[in-house]
């Protein structure tokens, strides 16, 4: 167990903490939940940076890092969709979560074919992640009342959802030659 892996495990352990904080009946609970989510999001960047910098990549880290990211984001989106209860946030949440499922399955399938590099993380995915994380930090920090910050969070989340669809389309197009063959590997 190294520091990058410990940071990834910490990110998973922070999920129930930010859920608890989100539901506490105090005026500061949204801010506290948002702060914990922001810390977890920062560890996502930091663990990858440290693993590359210190050459401490491990199979465990390669497995758990994307799982931790997807769990953290999916939980935040579900909390927000329930709390805000509106079309725009719920639709964006469904698109983002659905895309993660599709792309994860696609990457797993492409890895079985030995062609995972065709669906590696792209720069577009990094922009999507940045818009998504900023949107989630903003939305978690604010009650579901239409203020400048909440509207900004919605706009960024919709941008993230559009980038999500665009990047999924790119991944599917890159994988299409493998998806459209008639022979099936068993």
C-alpha atoms as a PDB file:
ATOM      1  CA  UNK A   1       0.000   0.000   0.000  1.00  0.00           C
ATOM      2  CA  UNK A   2       1.501   3.318  -1.071  1.00  0.00           C
ATOM      3  CA  UNK A   3       0.388   6.958  -0.694  1.00  0.00           C
ATOM      4  CA  UNK A   4      -1.452   7.166  -4.058  1.00  0.00           C
ATOM      5  CA  UNK A   5      -3.417   4.015  -3.182  1.00  0.00           C
ATOM      6  CA  UNK A   6      -4.170   5.323   0.304  1.00  0.00           C
ATOM      7  CA  UNK A   7      -5.539   8.526  -1.253  1.00  0.00           C
ATOM      8  CA  UNK A   8      -7.796   6.451  -3.501  1.00  0.00           C
ATOM      9  CA  UNK A   9      -9.060   4.422  -0.527  1.00  0.00           C
ATOM     10  CA  UNK A  10      -9.604   7.696   1.363  1.00  0.00           C
ATOM     11  CA  UNK A  11     -11.763   8.925  -1.518  1.00  0.00           C
ATOM     12  CA  UNK A  12     -14.017   5.870  -1.137  1.00  0.00           C
ATOM     13  CA  UNK A  13     -14.155   6.292   2.647  1.00  0.00           C
ATOM     14  CA  UNK A  14     -15.179   9.953   2.265  1.00  0.00           C
ATOM     15  CA  UNK A  15     -18.354   9.014   0.364  1.00  0.00           C
ATOM     16  CA  UNK A  16     -20.435   8.105   3.452  1.00  0.00           C
ATOM     17  CA  UNK A  17     -19.023  11.164   5.246  1.00  0.00           C
ATOM     18  CA  UNK A  18     -20.213  13.534   2.533  1.00  0.00           C
ATOM     19  CA  UNK A  19     -23.624  11.785   2.393  1.00  0.00           C
ATOM     20  CA  UNK A  20     -24.032  12.195   6.150  1.00  0.00           C
ATOM     21  CA  UNK A  21     -22.986  15.856   6.030  1.00  0.00           C
ATOM     22  CA  UNK A  22     -25.350  16.525   3.116  1.00  0.00           C
ATOM     23  CA  UNK A  23     -28.347  15.330   5.133  1.00  0.00           C
ATOM     24  CA  UNK A  24     -27.515  16.924   8.474  1.00  0.00           C
ATOM     25  CA  UNK A  25     -30.199  19.453   9.505  1.00  0.00           C
ATOM     26  CA  UNK A  26     -27.810  22.397   9.871  1.00  0.00           C
ATOM     27  CA  UNK A  27     -27.375  25.504   7.751  1.00  0.00           C
ATOM     28  CA  UNK A  28     -23.726  24.639   7.126  1.00  0.00           C
ATOM     29  CA  UNK A  29     -24.331  21.025   6.060  1.00  0.00           C
ATOM     30  CA  UNK A  30     -24.337  21.757   2.314  1.00  0.00           C
ATOM     31  CA  UNK A  31     -21.044  23.627   2.582  1.00  0.00           C
ATOM     32  CA  UNK A  32     -19.493  20.845   4.654  1.00  0.00           C
ATOM     33  CA  UNK A  33     -20.643  18.152   2.206  1.00  0.00           C
ATOM     34  CA  UNK A  34     -19.317  20.205  -0.688  1.00  0.00           C
ATOM     35  CA  UNK A  35     -15.957  20.688   1.061  1.00  0.00           C
ATOM     36  CA  UNK A  36     -15.589  16.941   1.652  1.00  0.00           C
ATOM     37  CA  UNK A  37     -16.534  16.263  -1.984  1.00  0.00           C
ATOM     38  CA  UNK A  38     -13.981  18.878  -3.135  1.00  0.00           C
ATOM     39  CA  UNK A  39     -11.281  17.238  -0.999  1.00  0.00           C
ATOM     40  CA  UNK A  40     -12.174  13.853  -2.479  1.00  0.00           C
ATOM     41  CA  UNK A  41     -12.079  15.310  -6.008  1.00  0.00           C
ATOM     42  CA  UNK A  42      -8.669  16.831  -5.287  1.00  0.00           C
ATOM     43  CA  UNK A  43      -7.356  13.449  -4.108  1.00  0.00           C
ATOM     44  CA  UNK A  44      -8.440  12.070  -7.490  1.00  0.00           C
ATOM     45  CA  UNK A  45      -5.980  14.388  -9.211  1.00  0.00           C
ATOM     46  CA  UNK A  46      -3.336  14.046  -6.492  1.00  0.00           C
ATOM     47  CA  UNK A  47      -3.210  10.251  -6.379  1.00  0.00           C
ATOM     48  CA  UNK A  48      -2.710  10.061 -10.147  1.00  0.00           C
ATOM     49  CA  UNK A  49      -0.062  12.767 -10.087  1.00  0.00           C
ATOM     50  CA  UNK A  50       1.856  11.115  -7.243  1.00  0.00           C
ATOM     51  CA  UNK A  51       1.597   7.634  -8.765  1.00  0.00           C
ATOM     52  CA  UNK A  52       3.120   8.926 -12.024  1.00  0.00           C
ATOM     53  CA  UNK A  53       5.680  11.206 -10.365  1.00  0.00           C
ATOM     54  CA  UNK A  54       6.904   8.592  -7.890  1.00  0.00           C
ATOM     55  CA  UNK A  55       6.385   5.705 -10.333  1.00  0.00           C
ATOM     56  CA  UNK A  56       4.091   3.973  -7.845  1.00  0.00           C
ATOM     57  CA  UNK A  57       1.333   2.788 -10.137  1.00  0.00           C
ATOM     58  CA  UNK A  58      -0.109  -0.537  -9.000  1.00  0.00           C
ATOM     59  CA  UNK A  59      -2.750  -2.923 -10.348  1.00  0.00           C
ATOM     60  CA  UNK A  60      -4.813  -2.202  -7.215  1.00  0.00           C
ATOM     61  CA  UNK A  61      -4.646   1.555  -7.870  1.00  0.00           C
ATOM     62  CA  UNK A  62      -5.413   1.103 -11.578  1.00  0.00           C
ATOM     63  CA  UNK A  63      -8.519  -0.858 -10.595  1.00  0.00           C
ATOM     64  CA  UNK A  64      -9.764   1.198  -7.644  1.00  0.00           C
ATOM     65  CA  UNK A  65      -9.110   4.730  -8.938  1.00  0.00           C
ATOM     66  CA  UNK A  66     -11.788   4.749 -11.677  1.00  0.00           C
ATOM     67  CA  UNK A  67     -14.200   2.868  -9.402  1.00  0.00           C
ATOM     68  CA  UNK A  68     -13.733   5.465  -6.638  1.00  0.00           C
ATOM     69  CA  UNK A  69     -14.275   8.293  -9.131  1.00  0.00           C
ATOM     70  CA  UNK A  70     -17.453   6.819 -10.531  1.00  0.00           C
ATOM     71  CA  UNK A  71     -18.854   6.004  -7.079  1.00  0.00           C
ATOM     72  CA  UNK A  72     -18.138   9.505  -5.803  1.00  0.00           C
ATOM     73  CA  UNK A  73     -19.728  11.223  -8.809  1.00  0.00           C
ATOM     74  CA  UNK A  74     -22.722   8.870  -9.024  1.00  0.00           C
ATOM     75  CA  UNK A  75     -23.527   9.318  -5.331  1.00  0.00           C
ATOM     76  CA  UNK A  76     -23.273  13.113  -5.629  1.00  0.00           C
ATOM     77  CA  UNK A  77     -25.521  13.124  -8.703  1.00  0.00           C
ATOM     78  CA  UNK A  78     -28.139  10.914  -7.032  1.00  0.00           C
ATOM     79  CA  UNK A  79     -28.146  13.106  -3.904  1.00  0.00           C
ATOM     80  CA  UNK A  80     -28.534  16.247  -5.997  1.00  0.00           C
ATOM     81  CA  UNK A  81     -31.218  14.793  -8.284  1.00  0.00           C
ATOM     82  CA  UNK A  82     -33.273  13.829  -5.228  1.00  0.00           C
ATOM     83  CA  UNK A  83     -32.710  17.166  -3.481  1.00  0.00           C
ATOM     84  CA  UNK A  84     -33.273  19.459  -6.477  1.00  0.00           C
ATOM     85  CA  UNK A  85     -35.963  17.313  -8.084  1.00  0.00           C
ATOM     86  CA  UNK A  86     -36.031  18.986 -11.493  1.00  0.00           C
ATOM     87  CA  UNK A  87     -35.741  17.923 -15.115  1.00  0.00           C
ATOM     88  CA  UNK A  88     -32.411  19.567 -15.964  1.00  0.00           C
ATOM     89  CA  UNK A  89     -30.419  18.182 -13.087  1.00  0.00           C
ATOM     90  CA  UNK A  90     -32.048  14.746 -13.226  1.00  0.00           C
ATOM     91  CA  UNK A  91     -31.542  14.458 -16.996  1.00  0.00           C
ATOM     92  CA  UNK A  92     -27.901  15.548 -16.743  1.00  0.00           C
ATOM     93  CA  UNK A  93     -27.363  13.064 -13.886  1.00  0.00           C
ATOM     94  CA  UNK A  94     -28.927  10.213 -15.884  1.00  0.00           C
ATOM     95  CA  UNK A  95     -26.799  11.048 -18.935  1.00  0.00           C
ATOM     96  CA  UNK A  96     -23.572  11.209 -16.920  1.00  0.00           C
ATOM     97  CA  UNK A  97     -24.234   8.014 -14.948  1.00  0.00           C
ATOM     98  CA  UNK A  98     -25.465   6.176 -18.045  1.00  0.00           C
ATOM     99  CA  UNK A  99     -22.401   7.201 -20.027  1.00  0.00           C
ATOM    100  CA  UNK A 100     -20.105   5.961 -17.269  1.00  0.00           C
ATOM    101  CA  UNK A 101     -21.787   2.565 -17.377  1.00  0.00           C
ATOM    102  CA  UNK A 102     -21.614   2.356 -21.179  1.00  0.00           C
ATOM    103  CA  UNK A 103     -17.985   3.498 -21.431  1.00  0.00           C
ATOM    104  CA  UNK A 104     -16.865   1.269 -18.543  1.00  0.00           C
ATOM    105  CA  UNK A 105     -18.467  -1.749 -20.222  1.00  0.00           C
ATOM    106  CA  UNK A 106     -16.973  -0.729 -23.573  1.00  0.00           C
ATOM    107  CA  UNK A 107     -13.480  -0.399 -22.075  1.00  0.00           C
ATOM    108  CA  UNK A 108     -13.787  -3.787 -20.368  1.00  0.00           C
ATOM    109  CA  UNK A 109     -14.958  -5.419 -23.590  1.00  0.00           C
ATOM    110  CA  UNK A 110     -12.237  -3.733 -25.653  1.00  0.00           C
ATOM    111  CA  UNK A 111      -9.629  -4.871 -23.104  1.00  0.00           C
ATOM    112  CA  UNK A 112     -10.795  -8.463 -23.638  1.00  0.00           C
ATOM    113  CA  UNK A 113     -10.112  -7.953 -27.347  1.00  0.00           C
ATOM    114  CA  UNK A 114      -6.686  -6.460 -26.599  1.00  0.00           C
ATOM    115  CA  UNK A 115      -7.792  -3.123 -28.023  1.00  0.00           C
ATOM    116  CA  UNK A 116      -8.339  -1.032 -24.881  1.00  0.00           C
ATOM    117  CA  UNK A 117      -6.019   1.701 -26.193  1.00  0.00           C
ATOM    118  CA  UNK A 118      -8.740   2.590 -28.730  1.00  0.00           C
ATOM    119  CA  UNK A 119     -10.927   3.806 -25.848  1.00  0.00           C
ATOM    120  CA  UNK A 120      -8.323   5.368 -23.551  1.00  0.00           C
ATOM    121  CA  UNK A 121      -9.160   8.558 -21.646  1.00  0.00           C
ATOM    122  CA  UNK A 122      -9.085  11.591 -23.950  1.00  0.00           C
ATOM    123  CA  UNK A 123      -8.596  15.316 -23.369  1.00  0.00           C
ATOM    124  CA  UNK A 124     -12.321  15.777 -23.977  1.00  0.00           C
ATOM    125  CA  UNK A 125     -12.953  13.441 -21.037  1.00  0.00           C
ATOM    126  CA  UNK A 126     -10.692  15.585 -18.882  1.00  0.00           C
ATOM    127  CA  UNK A 127     -12.648  18.741 -19.802  1.00  0.00           C
ATOM    128  CA  UNK A 128     -15.869  16.905 -19.032  1.00  0.00           C
ATOM    129  CA  UNK A 129     -14.511  15.872 -15.660  1.00  0.00           C
ATOM    130  CA  UNK A 130     -13.423  19.423 -14.831  1.00  0.00           C
ATOM    131  CA  UNK A 131     -16.851  20.912 -15.691  1.00  0.00           C
ATOM    132  CA  UNK A 132     -18.587  18.100 -13.825  1.00  0.00           C
ATOM    133  CA  UNK A 133     -16.507  18.421 -10.651  1.00  0.00           C
ATOM    134  CA  UNK A 134     -16.863  22.212 -10.469  1.00  0.00           C
ATOM    135  CA  UNK A 135     -20.622  21.876 -11.070  1.00  0.00           C
ATOM    136  CA  UNK A 136     -20.953  19.259  -8.331  1.00  0.00           C
ATOM    137  CA  UNK A 137     -18.948  21.283  -5.808  1.00  0.00           C
ATOM    138  CA  UNK A 138     -21.137  24.330  -6.504  1.00  0.00           C
ATOM    139  CA  UNK A 139     -24.421  22.405  -6.399  1.00  0.00           C
ATOM    140  CA  UNK A 140     -23.524  20.462  -3.256  1.00  0.00           C
ATOM    141  CA  UNK A 141     -22.668  23.739  -1.501  1.00  0.00           C
ATOM    142  CA  UNK A 142     -26.065  25.327  -2.162  1.00  0.00           C
ATOM    143  CA  UNK A 143     -29.655  24.477  -1.264  1.00  0.00           C
ATOM    144  CA  UNK A 144     -32.025  23.873  -4.205  1.00  0.00           C
ATOM    145  CA  UNK A 145     -33.026  27.520  -4.565  1.00  0.00           C
ATOM    146  CA  UNK A 146     -32.533  29.347  -7.861  1.00  0.00           C
ATOM    147  CA  UNK A 147     -29.605  31.637  -7.136  1.00  0.00           C
ATOM    148  CA  UNK A 148     -26.734  32.687  -9.374  1.00  0.00           C
ATOM    149  CA  UNK A 149     -24.575  29.857  -8.003  1.00  0.00           C
ATOM    150  CA  UNK A 150     -27.190  27.152  -8.478  1.00  0.00           C
ATOM    151  CA  UNK A 151     -27.893  28.301 -12.027  1.00  0.00           C
ATOM    152  CA  UNK A 152     -24.133  28.339 -12.730  1.00  0.00           C
ATOM    153  CA  UNK A 153     -23.929  24.801 -11.322  1.00  0.00           C
ATOM    154  CA  UNK A 154     -26.774  23.687 -13.601  1.00  0.00           C
ATOM    155  CA  UNK A 155     -25.146  25.280 -16.645  1.00  0.00           C
ATOM    156  CA  UNK A 156     -21.824  23.589 -15.889  1.00  0.00           C
ATOM    157  CA  UNK A 157     -23.564  20.254 -15.282  1.00  0.00           C
ATOM    158  CA  UNK A 158     -25.430  20.513 -18.593  1.00  0.00           C
ATOM    159  CA  UNK A 159     -22.109  21.352 -20.308  1.00  0.00           C
ATOM    160  CA  UNK A 160     -20.595  18.283 -18.613  1.00  0.00           C
ATOM    161  CA  UNK A 161     -23.540  16.160 -19.834  1.00  0.00           C
ATOM    162  CA  UNK A 162     -23.084  17.402 -23.421  1.00  0.00           C
ATOM    163  CA  UNK A 163     -19.334  16.708 -23.249  1.00  0.00           C
ATOM    164  CA  UNK A 164     -20.201  13.323 -21.752  1.00  0.00           C
ATOM    165  CA  UNK A 165     -22.353  12.432 -24.753  1.00  0.00           C
ATOM    166  CA  UNK A 166     -19.741  13.767 -27.163  1.00  0.00           C
ATOM    167  CA  UNK A 167     -16.922  11.781 -25.568  1.00  0.00           C
ATOM    168  CA  UNK A 168     -19.090   8.638 -25.452  1.00  0.00           C
ATOM    169  CA  UNK A 169     -19.779   9.049 -29.167  1.00  0.00           C
ATOM    170  CA  UNK A 170     -16.030   9.362 -29.813  1.00  0.00           C
ATOM    171  CA  UNK A 171     -15.340   6.191 -27.826  1.00  0.00           C
ATOM    172  CA  UNK A 172     -18.106   4.299 -29.638  1.00  0.00           C
ATOM    173  CA  UNK A 173     -16.834   5.466 -33.034  1.00  0.00           C
ATOM    174  CA  UNK A 174     -13.280   4.415 -32.121  1.00  0.00           C
ATOM    175  CA  UNK A 175     -14.581   1.005 -31.051  1.00  0.00           C
ATOM    176  CA  UNK A 176     -17.026   0.624 -33.962  1.00  0.00           C
ATOM    177  CA  UNK A 177     -14.704  -1.494 -36.144  1.00  0.00           C
ATOM    178  CA  UNK A 178     -14.579  -3.997 -33.268  1.00  0.00           C
ATOM    179  CA  UNK A 179     -18.301  -3.699 -32.514  1.00  0.00           C
ATOM    180  CA  UNK A 180     -19.444  -4.138 -36.104  1.00  0.00           C
ATOM    181  CA  UNK A 181     -17.610  -7.356 -36.925  1.00  0.00           C
ATOM    182  CA  UNK A 182     -19.749 -10.409 -37.502  1.00  0.00           C
ATOM    183  CA  UNK A 183     -17.546 -12.912 -35.714  1.00  0.00           C
ATOM    184  CA  UNK A 184     -18.036 -13.154 -31.971  1.00  0.00           C
ATOM    185  CA  UNK A 185     -15.232 -14.042 -29.575  1.00  0.00           C
ATOM    186  CA  UNK A 186     -16.267 -16.692 -27.053  1.00  0.00           C
END
